[in-house]
Amino acid sequence: MFSRLYFAPLALLVLITGCSGKEETVPCVATATVTLARDRAAIGSPLPMTYKFEVAQNASIPQDYIVFVHVLDDQQESLWGDDHQPSQPTSSWKPGQRVEYSRTVFIPNFPYIGQTHVRIGLYQPGGQRLPLCNTEVSRREYEVARFQLLPQSENIFLLYKEGWHPAEIAADNPGVEWQWTKKVATISFRNPKKDSTFYIEYDARTDKFPTPQQVSVTAGGQSIGTFTADAKLKTLVSFPVTAAQLGTADMAEISIDVGQIFVAGGGDNRELGIRVFHVFVEPR
């Protein structure tokens, strides 16, 4: 009995060592860098991230891989992730090519403030990971950036005024929340009295209209931007807002007019515009 129990872990150790040695012989495929728009960001704020992959001269990637993104606290505990398809499928990457693109994520609400670490890698759903030419932290996972996570109180507090339906939460993911607009929805906030950027992350029921909704965004009665609500998936748009458009009062307002609305149906008589996941005002 003793010899059998001893043999199984030993065999497993040999197997793991052999697999590890095999993985290490695979040449790295690219050098990855991630550039953050800022090195300090508050919970709930948008964080633009630029990804760059310098493909190795001898790289050959016959299949498509997903970019995994793990954001961890200073104790290496996971906070959130942003796995995504790169802007160009990895199977089309060429030796010596630079693949570069940007994404903006809204920082989820976590009970953590402090140094935060960004790690990335390339994987397939079955679990296989490709080696990168960066310094490996663990299991073909590579740290590419750090930033200081600040409390949510650093942000401008937004008051949802007229034109909003109550917040809803995704049944399969409590971290995903949204509010439907009515035809016109308004937010109010303490006026930063400086040039700012207005962000809105939304999706739309394009199947409900013969032509997509044309959304107008105004501040103090002045237009700051328009967009066509043709996104079936969650999409982020942003507009610059000047201090003059925000006015001189202590409080400022931004209104979102979706143009067309529809009735939810199925016994739900709400008049709905677009589904909004995030709105944010960021002074520049």
Protein backbone atom coordinates (compact mmCIF):
# COMPACT_ATOMS: atom_id res chain seq x y z
CA MET A 1 0.00 0.00 0.00
CA PHE A 2 2.79 2.42 0.92
CA SER A 3 4.70 1.86 -2.34
CA ARG A 4 1.59 2.46 -4.49
CA LEU A 5 0.80 5.73 -2.70
CA TYR A 6 4.41 6.85 -3.15
CA PHE A 7 4.55 5.90 -6.82
CA ALA A 8 1.47 7.90 -7.95
CA PRO A 9 2.74 11.35 -6.90
CA LEU A 10 6.19 10.52 -8.27
CA ALA A 11 4.72 9.57 -11.63
CA LEU A 12 2.60 12.71 -11.61
CA LEU A 13 5.69 14.82 -10.86
CA VAL A 14 7.54 13.26 -13.78
CA LEU A 15 4.55 13.90 -16.04
CA ILE A 16 4.26 17.55 -14.98
CA THR A 17 8.00 18.09 -15.35
CA GLY A 18 7.90 16.56 -18.81
CA CYS A 19 4.95 18.73 -19.89
CA SER A 20 6.61 21.85 -18.48
CA GLY A 21 9.82 21.10 -20.31
CA LYS A 22 7.91 20.61 -23.54
CA GLU A 23 6.12 23.96 -23.20
CA GLU A 24 9.38 25.79 -22.61
CA THR A 25 10.74 24.65 -25.99
CA VAL A 26 7.97 26.52 -27.83
CA PRO A 27 9.39 29.83 -29.15
CA CYS A 28 7.73 33.03 -27.99
CA VAL A 29 5.39 34.63 -30.54
CA ALA A 30 5.30 38.33 -29.61
CA THR A 31 6.35 41.02 -27.16
CA ALA A 32 3.31 42.61 -25.50
CA THR A 33 2.96 46.05 -23.95
CA VAL A 34 -0.07 47.78 -22.45
CA THR A 35 -0.12 51.55 -22.03
CA LEU A 36 -2.67 53.04 -19.64
CA ALA A 37 -4.10 56.51 -20.20
CA ARG A 38 -3.26 57.36 -16.59
CA ASP A 39 -1.38 55.81 -13.68
CA ARG A 40 -4.10 56.73 -11.15
CA ALA A 41 -7.74 55.79 -11.73
CA ALA A 42 -10.81 55.72 -9.50
CA ILE A 43 -13.32 52.92 -9.10
CA GLY A 44 -16.17 53.41 -11.59
CA SER A 45 -14.12 55.54 -13.98
CA PRO A 46 -13.25 54.71 -17.61
CA LEU A 47 -9.68 53.55 -18.16
CA PRO A 48 -8.42 53.64 -21.78
CA MET A 49 -5.84 50.91 -22.43
CA THR A 50 -3.66 50.60 -25.54
CA TYR A 51 -2.45 47.10 -26.44
CA LYS A 52 0.58 46.50 -28.63
CA PHE A 53 2.00 43.18 -29.83
CA GLU A 54 5.36 43.16 -31.63
CA VAL A 55 5.24 39.84 -33.48
CA ALA A 56 8.48 37.85 -33.29
CA GLN A 57 10.50 37.41 -36.48
CA ASN A 58 10.12 33.62 -36.43
CA ALA A 59 6.52 33.54 -35.18
CA SER A 60 3.92 31.21 -36.67
CA ILE A 61 0.41 31.22 -35.20
CA PRO A 62 -1.87 28.98 -37.28
CA GLN A 63 -4.89 29.40 -34.97
CA ASP A 64 -6.82 32.25 -33.37
CA TYR A 65 -6.18 33.05 -29.71
CA ILE A 66 -7.98 35.29 -27.21
CA VAL A 67 -6.20 37.97 -25.21
CA PHE A 68 -6.78 37.40 -21.51
CA VAL A 69 -6.48 40.34 -19.14
CA HIS A 70 -6.23 39.79 -15.38
CA VAL A 71 -6.26 42.76 -13.01
CA LEU A 72 -4.97 41.90 -9.53
CA ASP A 73 -4.49 43.64 -6.20
CA ASP A 74 -1.13 43.91 -4.43
CA GLN A 75 -1.67 40.48 -2.86
CA GLN A 76 -2.10 38.95 -6.33
CA GLU A 77 -5.83 38.37 -5.77
CA SER A 78 -7.98 38.78 -8.88
CA LEU A 79 -10.12 41.93 -9.10
CA TRP A 80 -11.57 41.72 -12.62
CA GLY A 81 -10.77 40.66 -16.17
CA ASP A 82 -11.27 41.91 -19.71
CA ASP A 83 -10.71 38.92 -22.01
CA HIS A 84 -11.25 39.92 -25.64
CA GLN A 85 -10.49 39.22 -29.27
CA PRO A 86 -7.54 41.26 -30.56
CA SER A 87 -8.26 43.79 -33.29
CA GLN A 88 -6.71 41.40 -35.81
CA PRO A 89 -7.04 37.59 -35.48
CA THR A 90 -3.77 36.03 -34.31
CA SER A 91 -3.83 33.56 -37.24
CA SER A 92 -3.23 36.53 -39.55
CA TRP A 93 -0.29 37.99 -37.58
CA LYS A 94 2.89 38.18 -39.66
CA PRO A 95 6.51 37.98 -38.43
CA GLY A 96 7.80 41.45 -37.53
CA GLN A 97 4.31 43.00 -37.63
CA ARG A 98 3.02 45.42 -34.98
CA VAL A 99 -0.60 44.86 -33.89
CA GLU A 100 -1.92 47.82 -31.93
CA TYR A 101 -5.41 48.80 -30.72
CA SER A 102 -7.18 50.48 -27.81
CA ARG A 103 -10.01 49.52 -25.48
CA THR A 104 -11.69 51.43 -22.66
CA VAL A 105 -12.97 49.59 -19.60
CA PHE A 106 -15.02 50.94 -16.71
CA ILE A 107 -13.38 49.93 -13.44
CA PRO A 108 -15.81 47.73 -11.46
CA ASN A 109 -16.68 48.45 -7.84
CA PHE A 110 -14.31 46.43 -5.63
CA PRO A 111 -13.49 46.88 -1.92
CA TYR A 112 -9.84 47.59 -2.68
CA ILE A 113 -7.70 50.72 -2.93
CA GLY A 114 -4.00 50.63 -3.79
CA GLN A 115 -1.41 49.34 -6.23
CA THR A 116 -3.01 47.32 -9.02
CA HIS A 117 -1.33 44.95 -11.49
CA VAL A 118 -2.32 44.19 -15.10
CA ARG A 119 -1.34 40.81 -16.53
CA ILE A 120 -2.07 39.45 -19.99
CA GLY A 121 -1.51 36.44 -22.22
CA LEU A 122 -2.89 34.57 -25.22
CA TYR A 123 -5.11 31.52 -24.80
CA GLN A 124 -7.66 29.26 -26.43
CA PRO A 125 -10.87 28.21 -24.62
CA GLY A 126 -9.45 24.70 -24.14
CA GLY A 127 -6.78 26.18 -21.89
CA GLN A 128 -3.73 26.21 -24.17
CA ARG A 129 -1.62 29.37 -23.82
CA LEU A 130 1.00 30.78 -26.16
CA PRO A 131 4.36 31.99 -24.80
CA LEU A 132 5.12 35.69 -25.10
CA CYS A 133 8.59 37.23 -25.18
CA ASN A 134 7.97 39.17 -21.95
CA THR A 135 9.17 38.07 -18.50
CA GLU A 136 6.80 35.33 -17.34
CA VAL A 137 5.10 35.73 -13.97
CA SER A 138 3.18 32.45 -13.89
CA ARG A 139 1.87 29.89 -16.39
CA ARG A 140 2.48 32.01 -19.49
CA GLU A 141 0.99 35.05 -17.79
CA TYR A 142 2.88 38.34 -18.08
CA GLU A 143 2.67 41.57 -16.06
CA VAL A 144 2.56 44.55 -18.42
CA ALA A 145 1.32 47.53 -16.37
CA ARG A 146 0.53 48.89 -12.92
CA PHE A 147 -1.67 51.71 -11.68
CA GLN A 148 -2.97 53.14 -8.45
CA LEU A 149 -6.63 52.36 -7.79
CA LEU A 150 -8.41 55.28 -6.09
CA PRO A 151 -11.75 55.45 -4.22
CA GLN A 152 -14.95 56.17 -6.14
CA SER A 153 -15.29 59.46 -4.28
CA GLU A 154 -12.62 60.88 -6.62
CA ASN A 155 -15.23 60.90 -9.43
CA ILE A 156 -17.90 63.48 -10.18
CA PHE A 157 -21.12 62.21 -8.62
CA LEU A 158 -23.97 61.99 -11.14
CA LEU A 159 -27.62 62.42 -10.22
CA TYR A 160 -30.02 60.61 -12.55
CA LYS A 161 -32.95 63.00 -12.89
CA GLU A 162 -35.92 62.78 -15.27
CA GLY A 163 -36.18 60.21 -18.03
CA TRP A 164 -34.66 57.10 -16.45
CA HIS A 165 -36.25 53.76 -15.65
CA PRO A 166 -35.13 51.94 -12.47
CA ALA A 167 -31.79 50.12 -12.57
CA GLU A 168 -31.73 46.45 -13.55
CA ILE A 169 -29.12 43.74 -12.94
CA ALA A 170 -28.19 40.85 -15.21
CA ALA A 171 -29.51 37.56 -13.82
CA ASP A 172 -26.31 35.69 -14.72
CA ASN A 173 -23.85 38.40 -13.66
CA PRO A 174 -24.60 40.70 -10.71
CA GLY A 175 -21.72 42.93 -11.78
CA VAL A 176 -23.57 44.04 -14.94
CA GLU A 177 -26.15 46.79 -14.33
CA TRP A 178 -28.05 49.11 -16.65
CA GLN A 179 -30.87 51.63 -16.90
CA TRP A 180 -33.20 52.18 -19.84
CA THR A 181 -33.80 55.75 -20.89
CA LYS A 182 -37.13 57.21 -21.84
CA LYS A 183 -37.20 59.54 -24.87
CA VAL A 184 -35.16 62.17 -23.03
CA ALA A 185 -32.97 61.35 -20.03
CA THR A 186 -31.10 63.91 -17.92
CA ILE A 187 -28.19 63.75 -15.50
CA SER A 188 -27.16 66.50 -13.10
CA PHE A 189 -23.79 67.01 -11.40
CA ARG A 190 -21.64 69.56 -9.65
CA ASN A 191 -20.15 71.72 -12.37
CA PRO A 192 -16.36 71.18 -12.66
CA LYS A 193 -16.21 74.50 -14.59
CA LYS A 194 -13.54 73.18 -16.89
CA ASP A 195 -13.38 71.34 -20.20
CA SER A 196 -14.49 67.73 -19.75
CA THR A 197 -15.29 64.48 -21.57
CA PHE A 198 -18.73 62.87 -21.49
CA TYR A 199 -18.86 59.07 -21.81
CA ILE A 200 -21.89 56.91 -22.46
CA GLU A 201 -21.81 53.11 -22.79
CA TYR A 202 -25.00 51.71 -24.31
CA ASP A 203 -26.69 49.19 -26.57
CA ALA A 204 -29.91 49.47 -28.58
CA ARG A 205 -32.84 47.39 -29.83
CA THR A 206 -32.16 47.99 -33.50
CA ASP A 207 -34.83 45.42 -34.39
CA LYS A 208 -37.54 47.75 -33.08
CA PHE A 209 -37.07 50.52 -35.66
CA PRO A 210 -36.98 50.72 -39.48
CA THR A 211 -33.99 53.05 -39.13
CA PRO A 212 -31.69 53.34 -36.08
CA GLN A 213 -32.33 55.94 -33.41
CA GLN A 214 -30.43 59.20 -33.80
CA VAL A 215 -29.26 60.25 -30.36
CA SER A 216 -28.56 63.89 -29.50
CA VAL A 217 -26.55 64.90 -26.43
CA THR A 218 -26.84 68.46 -25.10
CA ALA A 219 -25.38 70.44 -22.23
CA GLY A 220 -27.01 73.66 -21.13
CA GLY A 221 -29.20 73.56 -24.24
CA GLN A 222 -26.16 73.36 -26.54
CA SER A 223 -25.33 70.32 -28.66
CA ILE A 224 -22.18 68.48 -27.64
CA GLY A 225 -22.61 65.52 -29.99
CA THR A 226 -24.83 63.05 -31.83
CA PHE A 227 -24.54 59.37 -32.62
CA THR A 228 -26.48 56.64 -34.40
CA ALA A 229 -27.69 54.02 -31.91
CA ASP A 230 -26.97 51.02 -34.13
CA ALA A 231 -25.00 48.94 -31.61
CA LYS A 232 -26.53 45.58 -30.72
CA LEU A 233 -23.67 44.96 -28.28
CA LYS A 234 -22.39 47.17 -25.47
CA THR A 235 -20.59 50.13 -27.08
CA LEU A 236 -18.82 53.19 -25.71
CA VAL A 237 -19.01 56.67 -27.26
CA SER A 238 -17.59 59.91 -25.87
CA PHE A 239 -17.78 63.63 -26.59
CA PRO A 240 -15.74 66.65 -25.49
CA VAL A 241 -17.65 69.23 -23.44
CA THR A 242 -16.31 72.74 -23.04
CA ALA A 243 -16.50 74.72 -19.83
CA ALA A 244 -18.64 77.25 -21.70
CA GLN A 245 -21.17 74.56 -22.61
CA LEU A 246 -21.41 73.50 -18.97
CA GLY A 247 -22.17 77.09 -17.99
CA THR A 248 -21.30 79.04 -14.88
CA ALA A 249 -23.87 77.68 -12.40
CA ASP A 250 -22.76 75.43 -9.54
CA MET A 251 -24.76 72.52 -11.02
CA ALA A 252 -24.69 71.41 -14.67
CA GLU A 253 -26.95 69.11 -16.70
CA ILE A 254 -26.50 66.85 -19.71
CA SER A 255 -29.51 65.51 -21.61
CA ILE A 256 -29.74 62.49 -23.91
CA ASP A 257 -32.55 62.56 -26.50
CA VAL A 258 -32.94 59.22 -28.31
CA GLY A 259 -35.47 60.47 -30.88
CA GLN A 260 -37.50 57.24 -31.10
CA ILE A 261 -38.87 54.97 -28.37
CA PHE A 262 -40.63 51.61 -28.27
CA VAL A 263 -42.95 49.82 -25.84
CA ALA A 264 -41.29 46.87 -24.14
CA GLY A 265 -44.28 44.54 -24.66
CA GLY A 266 -45.16 41.23 -23.04
CA GLY A 267 -47.26 42.98 -20.41
CA ASP A 268 -44.52 45.58 -19.86
CA ASN A 269 -45.85 48.98 -20.92
CA ARG A 270 -42.65 50.95 -20.36
CA GLU A 271 -41.54 53.28 -23.14
CA LEU A 272 -37.88 52.51 -23.75
CA GLY A 273 -35.12 54.37 -25.54
CA ILE A 274 -31.60 52.93 -25.28
CA ARG A 275 -30.05 50.74 -22.59
CA VAL A 276 -27.29 52.60 -20.72
CA PHE A 277 -24.59 50.75 -18.76
CA HIS A 278 -22.41 53.71 -17.81
CA VAL A 279 -22.42 57.49 -18.04
CA PHE A 280 -19.45 59.45 -16.82
CA VAL A 281 -18.18 63.03 -16.78
CA GLU A 282 -14.40 63.41 -16.62
CA PRO A 283 -12.76 66.84 -16.22
CA ARG A 284 -9.72 67.35 -18.43
